[in-house]
Amino acid sequence: MMVVGIVAVCVVLALLAFLVPRLSRHPERGTQRSLGAGSRVGGKAPGVLGRIFSKPFRSSSKAVGRSGAAGRRTRGRMPF
């Protein structure tokens, strides 16, 4: 279920970054901030469990950043 949610957020951010690049930064940062909080909380578990619990949040945060950057980069390459 979480995977579907992250994919949906990435698609929405990529579209937003393509249509209005400057306004897409705030939602991207907000999403990364909430995922970072989840990663920090998951990382407080002891030992190996901390790494296991925080990894999905870290990789999701990277995906959100990449999708926003890809939308802005694609917009920059458009001829209009």
N, C-alpha and C. Protein backbone atom coordinates (compact mmCIF):
# COMPACT_ATOMS: atom_id res chain seq x y z
N MET A 1 0.82 -1.19 0.00
CA MET A 1 0.00 0.00 0.00
C MET A 1 0.87 1.27 0.00
N MET A 2 1.94 1.22 0.76
CA MET A 2 2.82 2.39 0.82
C MET A 2 3.51 2.62 -0.52
N VAL A 3 3.83 1.55 -1.20
CA VAL A 3 4.50 1.67 -2.50
C VAL A 3 3.59 2.40 -3.49
N VAL A 4 2.33 2.05 -3.51
CA VAL A 4 1.37 2.70 -4.41
C VAL A 4 1.27 4.19 -4.07
N GLY A 5 1.26 4.51 -2.80
CA GLY A 5 1.20 5.92 -2.38
C GLY A 5 2.43 6.70 -2.81
N ILE A 6 3.60 6.12 -2.66
CA ILE A 6 4.84 6.80 -3.06
C ILE A 6 4.87 6.99 -4.57
N VAL A 7 4.45 5.98 -5.32
CA VAL A 7 4.42 6.10 -6.78
C VAL A 7 3.46 7.22 -7.19
N ALA A 8 2.31 7.29 -6.54
CA ALA A 8 1.35 8.35 -6.85
C ALA A 8 1.92 9.73 -6.54
N VAL A 9 2.60 9.85 -5.41
CA VAL A 9 3.21 11.14 -5.04
C VAL A 9 4.29 11.52 -6.05
N CYS A 10 5.09 10.55 -6.48
CA CYS A 10 6.14 10.83 -7.46
C CYS A 10 5.56 11.29 -8.79
N VAL A 11 4.48 10.66 -9.23
CA VAL A 11 3.84 11.05 -10.49
C VAL A 11 3.27 12.46 -10.38
N VAL A 12 2.61 12.74 -9.28
CA VAL A 12 2.02 14.08 -9.09
C VAL A 12 3.13 15.13 -9.04
N LEU A 13 4.22 14.85 -8.32
CA LEU A 13 5.32 15.82 -8.25
C LEU A 13 5.99 16.02 -9.60
N ALA A 14 6.14 14.95 -10.37
CA ALA A 14 6.76 15.09 -11.70
C ALA A 14 5.88 15.96 -12.61
N LEU A 15 4.58 15.73 -12.56
CA LEU A 15 3.67 16.57 -13.37
C LEU A 15 3.68 18.02 -12.89
N LEU A 16 3.66 18.20 -11.59
CA LEU A 16 3.68 19.56 -11.04
C LEU A 16 4.98 20.26 -11.40
N ALA A 17 6.10 19.53 -11.32
CA ALA A 17 7.39 20.12 -11.67
C ALA A 17 7.46 20.45 -13.15
N PHE A 18 6.80 19.68 -13.98
CA PHE A 18 6.79 19.97 -15.41
C PHE A 18 5.93 21.18 -15.71
N LEU A 19 4.77 21.28 -15.07
CA LEU A 19 3.84 22.37 -15.38
C LEU A 19 4.24 23.69 -14.72
N VAL A 20 4.58 23.67 -13.45
CA VAL A 20 4.98 24.87 -12.72
C VAL A 20 6.22 24.57 -11.88
N PRO A 21 7.40 24.65 -12.48
CA PRO A 21 8.62 24.22 -11.80
C PRO A 21 8.91 24.94 -10.48
N ARG A 22 8.66 26.23 -10.43
CA ARG A 22 8.99 26.97 -9.22
C ARG A 22 8.06 26.63 -8.07
N LEU A 23 6.82 26.34 -8.39
CA LEU A 23 5.85 26.02 -7.34
C LEU A 23 5.93 24.57 -6.89
N SER A 24 6.71 23.76 -7.57
CA SER A 24 6.79 22.34 -7.20
C SER A 24 7.77 22.10 -6.06
N ARG A 25 8.60 23.05 -5.76
CA ARG A 25 9.63 22.84 -4.72
C ARG A 25 9.02 22.69 -3.33
N HIS A 26 8.02 23.47 -3.02
CA HIS A 26 7.44 23.41 -1.67
C HIS A 26 6.79 22.05 -1.39
N PRO A 27 5.94 21.51 -2.27
CA PRO A 27 5.39 20.17 -2.00
C PRO A 27 6.47 19.08 -1.97
N GLU A 28 7.50 19.25 -2.79
CA GLU A 28 8.58 18.27 -2.79
C GLU A 28 9.31 18.27 -1.45
N ARG A 29 9.62 19.45 -0.96
CA ARG A 29 10.32 19.54 0.33
C ARG A 29 9.45 19.04 1.48
N GLY A 30 8.15 19.34 1.41
CA GLY A 30 7.25 18.86 2.45
C GLY A 30 7.17 17.34 2.48
N THR A 31 7.12 16.74 1.31
CA THR A 31 7.09 15.28 1.22
C THR A 31 8.39 14.69 1.73
N GLN A 32 9.51 15.29 1.34
CA GLN A 32 10.79 14.79 1.81
C GLN A 32 10.95 14.97 3.32
N ARG A 33 10.40 16.04 3.84
CA ARG A 33 10.48 16.28 5.28
C ARG A 33 9.70 15.21 6.05
N SER A 34 8.51 14.87 5.56
CA SER A 34 7.72 13.85 6.26
C SER A 34 8.36 12.47 6.12
N LEU A 35 8.93 12.17 4.96
CA LEU A 35 9.63 10.90 4.80
C LEU A 35 10.90 10.86 5.64
N GLY A 36 11.56 11.98 5.79
CA GLY A 36 12.74 12.05 6.65
C GLY A 36 12.39 11.80 8.10
N ALA A 37 11.24 12.30 8.53
CA ALA A 37 10.80 12.05 9.90
C ALA A 37 10.53 10.56 10.11
N GLY A 38 9.91 9.92 9.13
CA GLY A 38 9.69 8.48 9.23
C GLY A 38 11.00 7.70 9.27
N SER A 39 11.97 8.16 8.50
CA SER A 39 13.27 7.51 8.50
C SER A 39 13.96 7.67 9.85
N ARG A 40 13.87 8.84 10.43
CA ARG A 40 14.49 9.06 11.74
C ARG A 40 13.83 8.21 12.82
N VAL A 41 12.51 8.13 12.79
CA VAL A 41 11.81 7.32 13.78
C VAL A 41 12.14 5.84 13.58
N GLY A 42 12.16 5.38 12.35
CA GLY A 42 12.50 3.99 12.08
C GLY A 42 13.93 3.66 12.46
N GLY A 43 14.82 4.64 12.33
CA GLY A 43 16.22 4.44 12.66
C GLY A 43 16.49 4.33 14.14
N LYS A 44 15.51 4.67 14.96
CA LYS A 44 15.70 4.57 16.41
C LYS A 44 15.54 3.15 16.93
N ALA A 45 15.07 2.25 16.08
CA ALA A 45 14.98 0.84 16.49
C ALA A 45 16.40 0.32 16.69
N PRO A 46 16.57 -0.61 17.59
CA PRO A 46 17.93 -1.07 17.90
C PRO A 46 18.55 -1.91 16.79
N GLY A 47 19.84 -1.69 16.58
CA GLY A 47 20.65 -2.52 15.70
C GLY A 47 20.22 -2.54 14.25
N VAL A 48 20.20 -3.74 13.70
CA VAL A 48 19.89 -3.95 12.29
C VAL A 48 18.45 -3.53 11.99
N LEU A 49 17.56 -3.69 12.95
CA LEU A 49 16.17 -3.30 12.73
C LEU A 49 16.04 -1.82 12.38
N GLY A 50 16.89 -0.98 12.97
CA GLY A 50 16.85 0.44 12.67
C GLY A 50 17.14 0.72 11.21
N ARG A 51 18.13 0.03 10.66
CA ARG A 51 18.45 0.21 9.24
C ARG A 51 17.34 -0.33 8.35
N ILE A 52 16.78 -1.46 8.75
CA ILE A 52 15.71 -2.08 7.96
C ILE A 52 14.47 -1.19 7.95
N PHE A 53 14.12 -0.62 9.10
CA PHE A 53 12.91 0.20 9.19
C PHE A 53 13.07 1.56 8.53
N SER A 54 14.29 2.10 8.49
CA SER A 54 14.47 3.43 7.92
C SER A 54 14.73 3.41 6.42
N LYS A 55 15.15 2.26 5.88
CA LYS A 55 15.50 2.21 4.46
C LYS A 55 14.36 2.54 3.51
N PRO A 56 13.13 2.04 3.71
CA PRO A 56 12.06 2.40 2.77
C PRO A 56 11.78 3.89 2.73
N PHE A 57 11.93 4.57 3.85
CA PHE A 57 11.70 6.01 3.87
C PHE A 57 12.82 6.75 3.16
N ARG A 58 14.06 6.29 3.33
CA ARG A 58 15.17 6.93 2.63
C ARG A 58 15.06 6.76 1.13
N SER A 59 14.76 5.56 0.68
CA SER A 59 14.67 5.34 -0.77
C SER A 59 13.45 6.06 -1.36
N SER A 60 12.39 6.18 -0.59
CA SER A 60 11.22 6.93 -1.07
C SER A 60 11.54 8.42 -1.18
N SER A 61 12.31 8.93 -0.24
CA SER A 61 12.69 10.33 -0.29
C SER A 61 13.57 10.60 -1.52
N LYS A 62 14.47 9.68 -1.82
CA LYS A 62 15.29 9.83 -3.02
C LYS A 62 14.43 9.81 -4.27
N ALA A 63 13.44 8.93 -4.31
CA ALA A 63 12.56 8.83 -5.48
C ALA A 63 11.77 10.11 -5.67
N VAL A 64 11.30 10.71 -4.58
CA VAL A 64 10.55 11.96 -4.67
C VAL A 64 11.45 13.07 -5.23
N GLY A 65 12.67 13.14 -4.75
CA GLY A 65 13.61 14.14 -5.26
C GLY A 65 13.92 13.96 -6.72
N ARG A 66 14.11 12.71 -7.13
CA ARG A 66 14.41 12.42 -8.53
C ARG A 66 13.25 12.75 -9.45
N SER A 67 12.03 12.46 -9.01
CA SER A 67 10.88 12.72 -9.88
C SER A 67 10.67 14.22 -10.06
N GLY A 68 10.85 14.99 -9.00
CA GLY A 68 10.74 16.44 -9.14
C GLY A 68 11.82 17.01 -10.04
N ALA A 69 13.03 16.52 -9.86
CA ALA A 69 14.14 17.00 -10.69
C ALA A 69 13.93 16.61 -12.15
N ALA A 70 13.40 15.42 -12.38
CA ALA A 70 13.17 14.98 -13.76
C ALA A 70 12.10 15.84 -14.44
N GLY A 71 11.06 16.21 -13.71
CA GLY A 71 10.03 17.07 -14.28
C GLY A 71 10.57 18.44 -14.63
N ARG A 72 11.38 19.01 -13.74
CA ARG A 72 11.97 20.32 -14.03
C ARG A 72 12.97 20.24 -15.17
N ARG A 73 13.76 19.17 -15.21
CA ARG A 73 14.74 19.00 -16.29
C ARG A 73 14.04 18.84 -17.64
N THR A 74 12.97 18.07 -17.67
CA THR A 74 12.22 17.89 -18.91
C THR A 74 11.61 19.21 -19.37
N ARG A 75 11.09 19.98 -18.43
CA ARG A 75 10.53 21.29 -18.77
C ARG A 75 11.60 22.20 -19.35
N GLY A 76 12.80 22.13 -18.81
CA GLY A 76 13.89 22.96 -19.32
C GLY A 76 14.31 22.58 -20.73
N ARG A 77 14.08 21.36 -21.12
CA ARG A 77 14.47 20.92 -22.46
C ARG A 77 13.41 21.18 -23.52
N MET A 78 12.25 21.59 -23.11
CA MET A 78 11.17 21.85 -24.08
C MET A 78 11.49 23.09 -24.90
N PRO A 79 11.10 23.12 -26.16
CA PRO A 79 11.45 24.24 -27.02
C PRO A 79 10.62 25.50 -26.76
N PHE A 80 9.57 25.43 -25.97
CA PHE A 80 8.75 26.62 -25.73
C PHE A 80 8.93 27.19 -24.37
